[in-house]
């Protein structure tokens, strides 16, 4: 049995290359296989195509994960913006309530409110 790196060119073909027709696995070497240079190119092209397809699948999954995370972050950013708006509204309402309470106390002559404001 020959190693995968041993290819013998006999003038018109190579021998000792992985046999795709009988075993189908790359580590297996069929010494009786005789392949033309165009066959080797086709096998190399198929291997390269499979590698590219695997890389493409990995990249597609990565893009899906990234899009999912971006969508999740966009939702969180929107929620943060809504909470900030609510906080601003509550702060404004609180300020108005304090002013109304001070005005009511001044009108009622509350002893703890001086004419300059609360203590």
PDB file of N, CA and C in Angstrom:
ATOM      1  N   UNK A   1       0.848  -1.178   0.000  1.00  0.00           N
ATOM      2  CA  UNK A   1       0.000   0.000   0.000  1.00  0.00           C
ATOM      3  C   UNK A   1       0.889   1.235   0.000  1.00  0.00           C
ATOM      4  N   UNK A   2       0.580   2.212  -0.829  1.00  0.00           N
ATOM      5  CA  UNK A   2       1.381   3.428  -0.933  1.00  0.00           C
ATOM      6  C   UNK A   2       0.787   4.514  -0.050  1.00  0.00           C
ATOM      7  N   UNK A   3       1.630   5.496   0.316  1.00  0.00           N
ATOM      8  CA  UNK A   3       1.130   6.602   1.126  1.00  0.00           C
ATOM      9  C   UNK A   3       0.436   7.613   0.217  1.00  0.00           C
ATOM     10  N   UNK A   4      -0.357   8.470   0.829  1.00  0.00           N
ATOM     11  CA  UNK A   4      -1.124   9.451   0.066  1.00  0.00           C
ATOM     12  C   UNK A   4      -0.221  10.432  -0.653  1.00  0.00           C
ATOM     13  N   UNK A   5       1.000  10.626  -0.148  1.00  0.00           N
ATOM     14  CA  UNK A   5       1.885  11.589  -0.782  1.00  0.00           C
ATOM     15  C   UNK A   5       2.671  10.963  -1.931  1.00  0.00           C
ATOM     16  N   UNK A   6       2.567   9.634  -2.117  1.00  0.00           N
ATOM     17  CA  UNK A   6       3.304   8.954  -3.172  1.00  0.00           C
ATOM     18  C   UNK A   6       2.433   8.826  -4.410  1.00  0.00           C
ATOM     19  N   UNK A   7       2.760   9.601  -5.412  1.00  0.00           N
ATOM     20  CA  UNK A   7       2.098   9.502  -6.711  1.00  0.00           C
ATOM     21  C   UNK A   7       3.171   9.224  -7.743  1.00  0.00           C
ATOM     22  N   UNK A   8       2.914   8.279  -8.572  1.00  0.00           N
ATOM     23  CA  UNK A   8       3.882   7.927  -9.612  1.00  0.00           C
ATOM     24  C   UNK A   8       3.278   8.284 -10.953  1.00  0.00           C
ATOM     25  N   UNK A   9       3.987   9.106 -11.692  1.00  0.00           N
ATOM     26  CA  UNK A   9       3.523   9.505 -13.023  1.00  0.00           C
ATOM     27  C   UNK A   9       4.148   8.549 -14.020  1.00  0.00           C
ATOM     28  N   UNK A  10       3.327   7.866 -14.789  1.00  0.00           N
ATOM     29  CA  UNK A  10       3.798   6.855 -15.733  1.00  0.00           C
ATOM     30  C   UNK A  10       3.840   7.366 -17.164  1.00  0.00           C
ATOM     31  N   UNK A  11       3.816   8.640 -17.339  1.00  0.00           N
ATOM     32  CA  UNK A  11       3.883   9.220 -18.676  1.00  0.00           C
ATOM     33  C   UNK A  11       2.552   9.758 -19.144  1.00  0.00           C
ATOM     34  N   UNK A  12       1.473   9.037 -18.848  1.00  0.00           N
ATOM     35  CA  UNK A  12       0.163   9.506 -19.268  1.00  0.00           C
ATOM     36  C   UNK A  12      -0.833   9.513 -18.117  1.00  0.00           C
ATOM     37  N   UNK A  13      -0.447   8.930 -16.960  1.00  0.00           N
ATOM     38  CA  UNK A  13      -1.364   8.886 -15.832  1.00  0.00           C
ATOM     39  C   UNK A  13      -0.581   8.765 -14.530  1.00  0.00           C
ATOM     40  N   UNK A  14      -1.278   8.959 -13.415  1.00  0.00           N
ATOM     41  CA  UNK A  14      -0.704   8.815 -12.085  1.00  0.00           C
ATOM     42  C   UNK A  14      -1.214   7.510 -11.486  1.00  0.00           C
ATOM     43  N   UNK A  15      -0.383   6.837 -10.696  1.00  0.00           N
ATOM     44  CA  UNK A  15      -0.831   5.661  -9.957  1.00  0.00           C
ATOM     45  C   UNK A  15      -0.545   5.895  -8.481  1.00  0.00           C
ATOM     46  N   UNK A  16      -1.288   5.193  -7.634  1.00  0.00           N
ATOM     47  CA  UNK A  16      -1.081   5.331  -6.197  1.00  0.00           C
ATOM     48  C   UNK A  16      -1.909   6.431  -5.574  1.00  0.00           C
ATOM     49  N   UNK A  17      -2.898   6.933  -6.252  1.00  0.00           N
ATOM     50  CA  UNK A  17      -3.752   7.989  -5.713  1.00  0.00           C
ATOM     51  C   UNK A  17      -4.955   7.361  -5.039  1.00  0.00           C
ATOM     52  N   UNK A  18      -5.599   8.075  -4.169  1.00  0.00           N
ATOM     53  CA  UNK A  18      -6.787   7.574  -3.469  1.00  0.00           C
ATOM     54  C   UNK A  18      -7.828   7.141  -4.490  1.00  0.00           C
ATOM     55  N   UNK A  19      -8.417   5.991  -4.250  1.00  0.00           N
ATOM     56  CA  UNK A  19      -9.365   5.413  -5.195  1.00  0.00           C
ATOM     57  C   UNK A  19     -10.783   5.854  -4.865  1.00  0.00           C
ATOM     58  N   UNK A  20     -11.350   6.800  -5.612  1.00  0.00           N
ATOM     59  CA  UNK A  20     -12.690   7.287  -5.295  1.00  0.00           C
ATOM     60  C   UNK A  20     -13.791   6.315  -5.702  1.00  0.00           C
ATOM     61  N   UNK A  21     -13.503   5.415  -6.647  1.00  0.00           N
ATOM     62  CA  UNK A  21     -14.577   4.571  -7.145  1.00  0.00           C
ATOM     63  C   UNK A  21     -14.835   3.359  -6.269  1.00  0.00           C
ATOM     64  N   UNK A  22     -13.809   2.816  -5.617  1.00  0.00           N
ATOM     65  CA  UNK A  22     -14.018   1.599  -4.841  1.00  0.00           C
ATOM     66  C   UNK A  22     -14.180   1.853  -3.357  1.00  0.00           C
ATOM     67  N   UNK A  23     -13.322   2.702  -2.805  1.00  0.00           N
ATOM     68  CA  UNK A  23     -13.381   2.878  -1.346  1.00  0.00           C
ATOM     69  C   UNK A  23     -14.001   4.204  -0.942  1.00  0.00           C
ATOM     70  N   UNK A  24     -13.765   5.247  -1.709  1.00  0.00           N
ATOM     71  CA  UNK A  24     -14.369   6.534  -1.441  1.00  0.00           C
ATOM     72  C   UNK A  24     -13.756   7.311  -0.302  1.00  0.00           C
ATOM     73  N   UNK A  25     -12.783   6.748   0.425  1.00  0.00           N
ATOM     74  CA  UNK A  25     -12.195   7.483   1.534  1.00  0.00           C
ATOM     75  C   UNK A  25     -10.793   7.931   1.174  1.00  0.00           C
ATOM     76  N   UNK A  26     -10.442   9.115   1.595  1.00  0.00           N
ATOM     77  CA  UNK A  26      -9.159   9.698   1.243  1.00  0.00           C
ATOM     78  C   UNK A  26      -7.969   8.926   1.795  1.00  0.00           C
ATOM     79  N   UNK A  27      -8.006   8.382   3.035  1.00  0.00           N
ATOM     80  CA  UNK A  27      -6.832   7.699   3.550  1.00  0.00           C
ATOM     81  C   UNK A  27      -6.530   6.398   2.812  1.00  0.00           C
ATOM     82  N   UNK A  28      -7.524   5.777   2.226  1.00  0.00           N
ATOM     83  CA  UNK A  28      -7.303   4.510   1.532  1.00  0.00           C
ATOM     84  C   UNK A  28      -6.637   4.777   0.199  1.00  0.00           C
ATOM     85  N   UNK A  29      -5.630   3.972  -0.102  1.00  0.00           N
ATOM     86  CA  UNK A  29      -4.906   4.122  -1.357  1.00  0.00           C
ATOM     87  C   UNK A  29      -5.055   2.820  -2.147  1.00  0.00           C
ATOM     88  N   UNK A  30      -5.442   2.969  -3.375  1.00  0.00           N
ATOM     89  CA  UNK A  30      -5.602   1.810  -4.247  1.00  0.00           C
ATOM     90  C   UNK A  30      -4.446   1.838  -5.239  1.00  0.00           C
ATOM     91  N   UNK A  31      -3.505   0.898  -5.114  1.00  0.00           N
ATOM     92  CA  UNK A  31      -2.309   0.922  -5.962  1.00  0.00           C
ATOM     93  C   UNK A  31      -2.624   0.595  -7.412  1.00  0.00           C
ATOM     94  N   UNK A  32      -3.759  -0.004  -7.665  1.00  0.00           N
ATOM     95  CA  UNK A  32      -4.090  -0.349  -9.038  1.00  0.00           C
ATOM     96  C   UNK A  32      -4.789   0.800  -9.759  1.00  0.00           C
ATOM     97  N   UNK A  33      -5.130   1.860  -9.027  1.00  0.00           N
ATOM     98  CA  UNK A  33      -5.831   2.976  -9.635  1.00  0.00           C
ATOM     99  C   UNK A  33      -4.889   3.740 -10.544  1.00  0.00           C
ATOM    100  N   UNK A  34      -5.345   4.004 -11.703  1.00  0.00           N
ATOM    101  CA  UNK A  34      -4.570   4.781 -12.654  1.00  0.00           C
ATOM    102  C   UNK A  34      -5.417   5.984 -13.038  1.00  0.00           C
ATOM    103  N   UNK A  35      -4.960   7.169 -12.674  1.00  0.00           N
ATOM    104  CA  UNK A  35      -5.730   8.381 -12.927  1.00  0.00           C
ATOM    105  C   UNK A  35      -4.970   9.286 -13.883  1.00  0.00           C
ATOM    106  N   UNK A  36      -5.689   9.904 -14.764  1.00  0.00           N
ATOM    107  CA  UNK A  36      -5.105  10.890 -15.665  1.00  0.00           C
ATOM    108  C   UNK A  36      -4.942  12.201 -14.904  1.00  0.00           C
ATOM    109  N   UNK A  37      -4.081  13.090 -15.378  1.00  0.00           N
ATOM    110  CA  UNK A  37      -3.920  14.390 -14.709  1.00  0.00           C
ATOM    111  C   UNK A  37      -5.242  15.138 -14.582  1.00  0.00           C
ATOM    112  N   UNK A  38      -6.124  15.025 -15.558  1.00  0.00           N
ATOM    113  CA  UNK A  38      -7.412  15.714 -15.474  1.00  0.00           C
ATOM    114  C   UNK A  38      -8.274  15.137 -14.354  1.00  0.00           C
ATOM    115  N   UNK A  39      -8.140  13.808 -14.089  1.00  0.00           N
ATOM    116  CA  UNK A  39      -8.879  13.197 -12.977  1.00  0.00           C
ATOM    117  C   UNK A  39      -8.420  13.758 -11.645  1.00  0.00           C
ATOM    118  N   UNK A  40      -7.112  13.918 -11.502  1.00  0.00           N
ATOM    119  CA  UNK A  40      -6.559  14.465 -10.254  1.00  0.00           C
ATOM    120  C   UNK A  40      -7.045  15.895 -10.068  1.00  0.00           C
ATOM    121  N   UNK A  41      -7.052  16.659 -11.159  1.00  0.00           N
ATOM    122  CA  UNK A  41      -7.554  18.025 -11.073  1.00  0.00           C
ATOM    123  C   UNK A  41      -9.008  18.033 -10.639  1.00  0.00           C
ATOM    124  N   UNK A  42      -9.819  17.134 -11.204  1.00  0.00           N
ATOM    125  CA  UNK A  42     -11.231  17.053 -10.834  1.00  0.00           C
ATOM    126  C   UNK A  42     -11.394  16.662  -9.373  1.00  0.00           C
ATOM    127  N   UNK A  43     -10.581  15.713  -8.896  1.00  0.00           N
ATOM    128  CA  UNK A  43     -10.662  15.323  -7.485  1.00  0.00           C
ATOM    129  C   UNK A  43     -10.254  16.477  -6.583  1.00  0.00           C
ATOM    130  N   UNK A  44      -9.198  17.172  -6.979  1.00  0.00           N
ATOM    131  CA  UNK A  44      -8.761  18.328  -6.196  1.00  0.00           C
ATOM    132  C   UNK A  44      -9.846  19.406  -6.193  1.00  0.00           C
ATOM    133  N   UNK A  45     -10.474  19.616  -7.346  1.00  0.00           N
ATOM    134  CA  UNK A  45     -11.554  20.604  -7.447  1.00  0.00           C
ATOM    135  C   UNK A  45     -12.738  20.226  -6.577  1.00  0.00           C
ATOM    136  N   UNK A  46     -13.069  18.941  -6.555  1.00  0.00           N
ATOM    137  CA  UNK A  46     -14.188  18.487  -5.704  1.00  0.00           C
ATOM    138  C   UNK A  46     -13.861  18.661  -4.236  1.00  0.00           C
ATOM    139  N   UNK A  47     -12.633  18.330  -3.860  1.00  0.00           N
ATOM    140  CA  UNK A  47     -12.225  18.497  -2.461  1.00  0.00           C
ATOM    141  C   UNK A  47     -12.271  19.969  -2.077  1.00  0.00           C
ATOM    142  N   UNK A  48     -11.803  20.813  -2.966  1.00  0.00           N
ATOM    143  CA  UNK A  48     -11.821  22.253  -2.702  1.00  0.00           C
ATOM    144  C   UNK A  48     -13.265  22.747  -2.592  1.00  0.00           C
ATOM    145  N   UNK A  49     -14.139  22.247  -3.463  1.00  0.00           N
ATOM    146  CA  UNK A  49     -15.551  22.624  -3.417  1.00  0.00           C
ATOM    147  C   UNK A  49     -16.181  22.210  -2.084  1.00  0.00           C
ATOM    148  N   UNK A  50     -15.896  20.997  -1.635  1.00  0.00           N
ATOM    149  CA  UNK A  50     -16.428  20.547  -0.343  1.00  0.00           C
ATOM    150  C   UNK A  50     -15.910  21.416   0.799  1.00  0.00           C
ATOM    151  N   UNK A  51     -14.638  21.775   0.733  1.00  0.00           N
ATOM    152  CA  UNK A  51     -14.064  22.640   1.772  1.00  0.00           C
ATOM    153  C   UNK A  51     -14.747  24.006   1.771  1.00  0.00           C
ATOM    154  N   UNK A  52     -14.965  24.551   0.596  1.00  0.00           N
ATOM    155  CA  UNK A  52     -15.632  25.854   0.476  1.00  0.00           C
ATOM    156  C   UNK A  52     -17.068  25.767   0.977  1.00  0.00           C
ATOM    157  N   UNK A  53     -17.756  24.664   0.667  1.00  0.00           N
ATOM    158  CA  UNK A  53     -19.129  24.491   1.142  1.00  0.00           C
ATOM    159  C   UNK A  53     -19.175  24.401   2.664  1.00  0.00           C
ATOM    160  N   UNK A  54     -18.216  23.706   3.281  1.00  0.00           N
ATOM    161  CA  UNK A  54     -18.163  23.640   4.753  1.00  0.00           C
ATOM    162  C   UNK A  54     -17.915  25.017   5.342  1.00  0.00           C
ATOM    163  N   UNK A  55     -16.958  25.751   4.765  1.00  0.00           N
ATOM    164  CA  UNK A  55     -16.674  27.108   5.238  1.00  0.00           C
ATOM    165  C   UNK A  55     -17.895  28.010   5.063  1.00  0.00           C
ATOM    166  N   UNK A  56     -18.595  27.860   3.958  1.00  0.00           N
ATOM    167  CA  UNK A  56     -19.798  28.653   3.696  1.00  0.00           C
ATOM    168  C   UNK A  56     -20.865  28.375   4.750  1.00  0.00           C
ATOM    169  N   UNK A  57     -21.044  27.102   5.092  1.00  0.00           N
ATOM    170  CA  UNK A  57     -22.033  26.741   6.118  1.00  0.00           C
ATOM    171  C   UNK A  57     -21.659  27.351   7.456  1.00  0.00           C
ATOM    172  N   UNK A  58     -20.366  27.324   7.785  1.00  0.00           N
ATOM    173  CA  UNK A  58     -19.900  27.915   9.048  1.00  0.00           C
ATOM    174  C   UNK A  58     -20.161  29.418   9.046  1.00  0.00           C
ATOM    175  N   UNK A  59     -19.836  30.071   7.934  1.00  0.00           N
ATOM    176  CA  UNK A  59     -20.052  31.517   7.843  1.00  0.00           C
ATOM    177  C   UNK A  59     -21.531  31.875   7.916  1.00  0.00           C
ATOM    178  N   UNK A  60     -22.389  31.076   7.278  1.00  0.00           N
ATOM    179  CA  UNK A  60     -23.832  31.342   7.347  1.00  0.00           C
ATOM    180  C   UNK A  60     -24.320  31.251   8.783  1.00  0.00           C
ATOM    181  N   UNK A  61     -23.850  30.240   9.523  1.00  0.00           N
ATOM    182  CA  UNK A  61     -24.249  30.088  10.923  1.00  0.00           C
ATOM    183  C   UNK A  61     -23.760  31.277  11.747  1.00  0.00           C
ATOM    184  N   UNK A  62     -22.529  31.715  11.475  1.00  0.00           N
ATOM    185  CA  UNK A  62     -21.983  32.871  12.194  1.00  0.00           C
ATOM    186  C   UNK A  62     -22.810  34.132  11.920  1.00  0.00           C
ATOM    187  N   UNK A  63     -23.226  34.308  10.682  1.00  0.00           N
ATOM    188  CA  UNK A  63     -24.048  35.473  10.327  1.00  0.00           C
ATOM    189  C   UNK A  63     -25.403  35.392  11.021  1.00  0.00           C
ATOM    190  N   UNK A  64     -25.985  34.197  11.086  1.00  0.00           N
ATOM    191  CA  UNK A  64     -27.259  34.024  11.793  1.00  0.00           C
ATOM    192  C   UNK A  64     -27.119  34.389  13.266  1.00  0.00           C
ATOM    193  N   UNK A  65     -26.058  33.927  13.893  1.00  0.00           N
ATOM    194  CA  UNK A  65     -25.829  34.228  15.309  1.00  0.00           C
ATOM    195  C   UNK A  65     -25.629  35.726  15.499  1.00  0.00           C
ATOM    196  N   UNK A  66     -24.831  36.334  14.617  1.00  0.00           N
ATOM    197  CA  UNK A  66     -24.578  37.765  14.728  1.00  0.00           C
ATOM    198  C   UNK A  66     -25.869  38.561  14.537  1.00  0.00           C
ATOM    199  N   UNK A  67     -26.668  38.203  13.543  1.00  0.00           N
ATOM    200  CA  UNK A  67     -27.942  38.902  13.326  1.00  0.00           C
ATOM    201  C   UNK A  67     -28.869  38.750  14.522  1.00  0.00           C
ATOM    202  N   UNK A  68     -28.898  37.575  15.103  1.00  0.00           N
ATOM    203  CA  UNK A  68     -29.729  37.338  16.274  1.00  0.00           C
ATOM    204  C   UNK A  68     -29.294  38.235  17.428  1.00  0.00           C
ATOM    205  N   UNK A  69     -27.989  38.321  17.645  1.00  0.00           N
ATOM    206  CA  UNK A  69     -27.476  39.166  18.725  1.00  0.00           C
ATOM    207  C   UNK A  69     -27.736  40.645  18.448  1.00  0.00           C
ATOM    208  N   UNK A  70     -27.593  41.053  17.178  1.00  0.00           N
ATOM    209  CA  UNK A  70     -27.866  42.451  16.828  1.00  0.00           C
ATOM    210  C   UNK A  70     -29.333  42.797  17.042  1.00  0.00           C
ATOM    211  N   UNK A  71     -30.233  41.878  16.661  1.00  0.00           N
ATOM    212  CA  UNK A  71     -31.665  42.109  16.879  1.00  0.00           C
ATOM    213  C   UNK A  71     -31.986  42.192  18.367  1.00  0.00           C
ATOM    214  N   UNK A  72     -31.358  41.318  19.153  1.00  0.00           N
ATOM    215  CA  UNK A  72     -31.578  41.336  20.597  1.00  0.00           C
ATOM    216  C   UNK A  72     -31.087  42.653  21.194  1.00  0.00           C
ATOM    217  N   UNK A  73     -29.915  43.111  20.745  1.00  0.00           N
ATOM    218  CA  UNK A  73     -29.367  44.373  21.250  1.00  0.00           C
ATOM    219  C   UNK A  73     -30.246  45.545  20.830  1.00  0.00           C
ATOM    220  N   UNK A  74     -30.766  45.521  19.617  1.00  0.00           N
ATOM    221  CA  UNK A  74     -31.642  46.599  19.161  1.00  0.00           C
ATOM    222  C   UNK A  74     -32.890  46.665  20.037  1.00  0.00           C
ATOM    223  N   UNK A  75     -33.441  45.511  20.396  1.00  0.00           N
ATOM    224  CA  UNK A  75     -34.599  45.479  21.294  1.00  0.00           C
ATOM    225  C   UNK A  75     -34.257  46.028  22.665  1.00  0.00           C
ATOM    226  N   UNK A  76     -33.075  45.676  23.161  1.00  0.00           N
ATOM    227  CA  UNK A  76     -32.644  46.183  24.468  1.00  0.00           C
ATOM    228  C   UNK A  76     -32.418  47.687  24.415  1.00  0.00           C
ATOM    229  N   UNK A  77     -31.816  48.176  23.327  1.00  0.00           N
ATOM    230  CA  UNK A  77     -31.590  49.616  23.175  1.00  0.00           C
ATOM    231  C   UNK A  77     -32.917  50.375  23.149  1.00  0.00           C
ATOM    232  N   UNK A  78     -33.910  49.804  22.476  1.00  0.00           N
ATOM    233  CA  UNK A  78     -35.227  50.434  22.416  1.00  0.00           C
ATOM    234  C   UNK A  78     -35.856  50.464  23.808  1.00  0.00           C
ATOM    235  N   UNK A  79     -35.716  49.379  24.554  1.00  0.00           N
ATOM    236  CA  UNK A  79     -36.265  49.318  25.908  1.00  0.00           C
ATOM    237  C   UNK A  79     -35.582  50.339  26.812  1.00  0.00           C
ATOM    238  N   UNK A  80     -34.263  50.475  26.686  1.00  0.00           N
ATOM    239  CA  UNK A  80     -33.526  51.459  27.488  1.00  0.00           C
ATOM    240  C   UNK A  80     -34.018  52.871  27.163  1.00  0.00           C
ATOM    241  N   UNK A  81     -34.230  53.150  25.877  1.00  0.00           N
ATOM    242  CA  UNK A  81     -34.720  54.471  25.477  1.00  0.00           C
ATOM    243  C   UNK A  81     -36.103  54.750  26.077  1.00  0.00           C
ATOM    244  N   UNK A  82     -36.989  53.757  26.056  1.00  0.00           N
ATOM    245  CA  UNK A  82     -38.316  53.925  26.642  1.00  0.00           C
ATOM    246  C   UNK A  82     -38.219  54.166  28.145  1.00  0.00           C
ATOM    247  N   UNK A  83     -37.333  53.431  28.813  1.00  0.00           N
ATOM    248  CA  UNK A  83     -37.172  53.615  30.259  1.00  0.00           C
ATOM    249  C   UNK A  83     -36.616  55.000  30.587  1.00  0.00           C
ATOM    250  N   UNK A  84     -35.718  55.501  29.746  1.00  0.00           N
ATOM    251  CA  UNK A  84     -35.186  56.854  29.960  1.00  0.00           C
ATOM    252  C   UNK A  84     -36.287  57.909  29.803  1.00  0.00           C
ATOM    253  N   UNK A  85     -37.148  57.696  28.808  1.00  0.00           N
ATOM    254  CA  UNK A  85     -38.261  58.628  28.620  1.00  0.00           C
ATOM    255  C   UNK A  85     -39.204  58.593  29.818  1.00  0.00           C
ATOM    256  N   UNK A  86     -39.486  57.390  30.315  1.00  0.00           N
ATOM    257  CA  UNK A  86     -40.359  57.269  31.488  1.00  0.00           C
ATOM    258  C   UNK A  86     -39.720  57.937  32.697  1.00  0.00           C
ATOM    259  N   UNK A  87     -38.415  57.756  32.867  1.00  0.00           N
ATOM    260  CA  UNK A  87     -37.715  58.380  33.987  1.00  0.00           C
ATOM    261  C   UNK A  87     -37.818  59.899  33.909  1.00  0.00           C
ATOM    262  N   UNK A  88     -37.624  60.453  32.709  1.00  0.00           N
ATOM    263  CA  UNK A  88     -37.725  61.906  32.543  1.00  0.00           C
ATOM    264  C   UNK A  88     -39.139  62.387  32.886  1.00  0.00           C
ATOM    265  N   UNK A  89     -40.156  61.629  32.456  1.00  0.00           N
ATOM    266  CA  UNK A  89     -41.537  62.005  32.766  1.00  0.00           C
ATOM    267  C   UNK A  89     -41.786  61.958  34.278  1.00  0.00           C
ATOM    268  N   UNK A  90     -41.308  60.908  34.931  1.00  0.00           N
ATOM    269  CA  UNK A  90     -41.516  60.783  36.381  1.00  0.00           C
ATOM    270  C   UNK A  90     -40.779  61.880  37.140  1.00  0.00           C
ATOM    271  N   UNK A  91     -39.578  62.225  36.678  1.00  0.00           N
ATOM    272  CA  UNK A  91     -38.843  63.303  37.333  1.00  0.00           C
ATOM    273  C   UNK A  91     -39.579  64.630  37.181  1.00  0.00           C
ATOM    274  N   UNK A  92     -40.152  64.855  36.009  1.00  0.00           N
ATOM    275  CA  UNK A  92     -40.926  66.077  35.788  1.00  0.00           C
ATOM    276  C   UNK A  92     -42.173  66.098  36.673  1.00  0.00           C
ATOM    277  N   UNK A  93     -42.873  64.963  36.755  1.00  0.00           N
ATOM    278  CA  UNK A  93     -44.067  64.875  37.606  1.00  0.00           C
ATOM    279  C   UNK A  93     -43.705  65.087  39.073  1.00  0.00           C
ATOM    280  N   UNK A  94     -42.591  64.514  39.492  1.00  0.00           N
ATOM    281  CA  UNK A  94     -42.163  64.680  40.881  1.00  0.00           C
ATOM    282  C   UNK A  94     -41.846  66.150  41.172  1.00  0.00           C
ATOM    283  N   UNK A  95     -41.151  66.783  40.233  1.00  0.00           N
ATOM    284  CA  UNK A  95     -40.842  68.203  40.404  1.00  0.00           C
ATOM    285  C   UNK A  95     -42.104  69.044  40.507  1.00  0.00           C
ATOM    286  N   UNK A  96     -43.093  68.738  39.667  1.00  0.00           N
ATOM    287  CA  UNK A  96     -44.362  69.474  39.715  1.00  0.00           C
ATOM    288  C   UNK A  96     -45.094  69.213  41.027  1.00  0.00           C
ATOM    289  N   UNK A  97     -45.050  67.970  41.499  1.00  0.00           N
ATOM    290  CA  UNK A  97     -45.719  67.642  42.766  1.00  0.00           C
ATOM    291  C   UNK A  97     -45.072  68.389  43.921  1.00  0.00           C
ATOM    292  N   UNK A  98     -43.758  68.480  43.905  1.00  0.00           N
ATOM    293  CA  UNK A  98     -43.053  69.209  44.971  1.00  0.00           C
ATOM    294  C   UNK A  98     -43.425  70.677  44.916  1.00  0.00           C
ATOM    295  N   UNK A  99     -43.463  71.239  43.722  1.00  0.00           N
ATOM    296  CA  UNK A  99     -43.833  72.647  43.596  1.00  0.00           C
ATOM    297  C   UNK A  99     -45.267  72.887  44.064  1.00  0.00           C
ATOM    298  N   UNK A 100     -46.169  71.997  43.697  1.00  0.00           N
ATOM    299  CA  UNK A 100     -47.568  72.138  44.116  1.00  0.00           C
ATOM    300  C   UNK A 100     -47.683  72.026  45.632  1.00  0.00           C
ATOM    301  N   UNK A 101     -46.943  71.122  46.226  1.00  0.00           N
ATOM    302  CA  UNK A 101     -46.987  70.960  47.679  1.00  0.00           C
ATOM    303  C   UNK A 101     -46.448  72.217  48.374  1.00  0.00           C
ATOM    304  N   UNK A 102     -45.366  72.757  47.841  1.00  0.00           N
ATOM    305  CA  UNK A 102     -44.812  73.979  48.423  1.00  0.00           C
ATOM    306  C   UNK A 102     -45.792  75.138  48.271  1.00  0.00           C
ATOM    307  N   UNK A 103     -46.443  75.222  47.108  1.00  0.00           N
ATOM    308  CA  UNK A 103     -47.406  76.298  46.886  1.00  0.00           C
ATOM    309  C   UNK A 103     -48.602  76.148  47.822  1.00  0.00           C
ATOM    310  N   UNK A 104     -49.041  74.891  48.020  1.00  0.00           N
ATOM    311  CA  UNK A 104     -50.166  74.653  48.914  1.00  0.00           C
ATOM    312  C   UNK A 104     -49.790  74.993  50.350  1.00  0.00           C
ATOM    313  N   UNK A 105     -48.599  74.664  50.744  1.00  0.00           N
ATOM    314  CA  UNK A 105     -48.161  74.963  52.109  1.00  0.00           C
ATOM    315  C   UNK A 105     -48.028  76.468  52.327  1.00  0.00           C
ATOM    316  N   UNK A 106     -47.555  77.176  51.352  1.00  0.00           N
ATOM    317  CA  UNK A 106     -47.442  78.631  51.481  1.00  0.00           C
ATOM    318  C   UNK A 106     -48.829  79.254  51.598  1.00  0.00           C
ATOM    319  N   UNK A 107     -49.770  78.713  50.820  1.00  0.00           N
ATOM    320  CA  UNK A 107     -51.125  79.226  50.853  1.00  0.00           C
ATOM    321  C   UNK A 107     -51.768  78.947  52.206  1.00  0.00           C
ATOM    322  N   UNK A 108     -51.486  77.789  52.775  1.00  0.00           N
ATOM    323  CA  UNK A 108     -52.058  77.398  54.057  1.00  0.00           C
ATOM    324  C   UNK A 108     -51.243  77.897  55.240  1.00  0.00           C
ATOM    325  N   UNK A 109     -50.174  78.602  54.967  1.00  0.00           N
ATOM    326  CA  UNK A 109     -49.295  79.138  56.000  1.00  0.00           C
ATOM    327  C   UNK A 109     -48.717  78.032  56.882  1.00  0.00           C
ATOM    328  N   UNK A 110     -48.171  77.049  56.242  1.00  0.00           N
ATOM    329  CA  UNK A 110     -47.534  75.959  56.989  1.00  0.00           C
ATOM    330  C   UNK A 110     -46.298  76.504  57.681  1.00  0.00           C
ATOM    331  N   UNK A 111     -46.124  76.176  58.961  1.00  0.00           N
ATOM    332  CA  UNK A 111     -45.006  76.726  59.716  1.00  0.00           C
ATOM    333  C   UNK A 111     -43.648  76.215  59.244  1.00  0.00           C
ATOM    334  N   UNK A 112     -43.566  75.044  58.619  1.00  0.00           N
ATOM    335  CA  UNK A 112     -42.267  74.499  58.216  1.00  0.00           C
ATOM    336  C   UNK A 112     -41.784  75.017  56.853  1.00  0.00           C
ATOM    337  N   UNK A 113     -42.639  75.836  56.171  1.00  0.00           N
ATOM    338  CA  UNK A 113     -42.244  76.403  54.896  1.00  0.00           C
ATOM    339  C   UNK A 113     -42.075  77.900  55.096  1.00  0.00           C
ATOM    340  N   UNK A 114     -40.869  78.371  54.855  1.00  0.00           N
ATOM    341  CA  UNK A 114     -40.619  79.800  54.977  1.00  0.00           C
ATOM    342  C   UNK A 114     -40.906  80.468  53.632  1.00  0.00           C
ATOM    343  N   UNK A 115     -40.810  81.742  53.597  1.00  0.00           N
ATOM    344  CA  UNK A 115     -41.069  82.450  52.352  1.00  0.00           C
ATOM    345  C   UNK A 115     -39.951  82.222  51.341  1.00  0.00           C
ATOM    346  N   UNK A 116     -38.786  81.697  51.790  1.00  0.00           N
ATOM    347  CA  UNK A 116     -37.669  81.441  50.881  1.00  0.00           C
ATOM    348  C   UNK A 116     -37.658  79.991  50.396  1.00  0.00           C
ATOM    349  N   UNK A 117     -38.538  79.173  50.842  1.00  0.00           N
ATOM    350  CA  UNK A 117     -38.585  77.780  50.407  1.00  0.00           C
ATOM    351  C   UNK A 117     -38.534  76.835  51.590  1.00  0.00           C
ATOM    352  N   UNK A 118     -38.462  75.553  51.325  1.00  0.00           N
ATOM    353  CA  UNK A 118     -38.464  74.538  52.374  1.00  0.00           C
ATOM    354  C   UNK A 118     -37.108  74.478  53.052  1.00  0.00           C
ATOM    355  N   UNK A 119     -37.130  74.021  54.313  1.00  0.00           N
ATOM    356  CA  UNK A 119     -35.901  73.879  55.093  1.00  0.00           C
ATOM    357  C   UNK A 119     -35.253  72.600  54.761  1.00  0.00           C
TER     358      UNK A 119
END
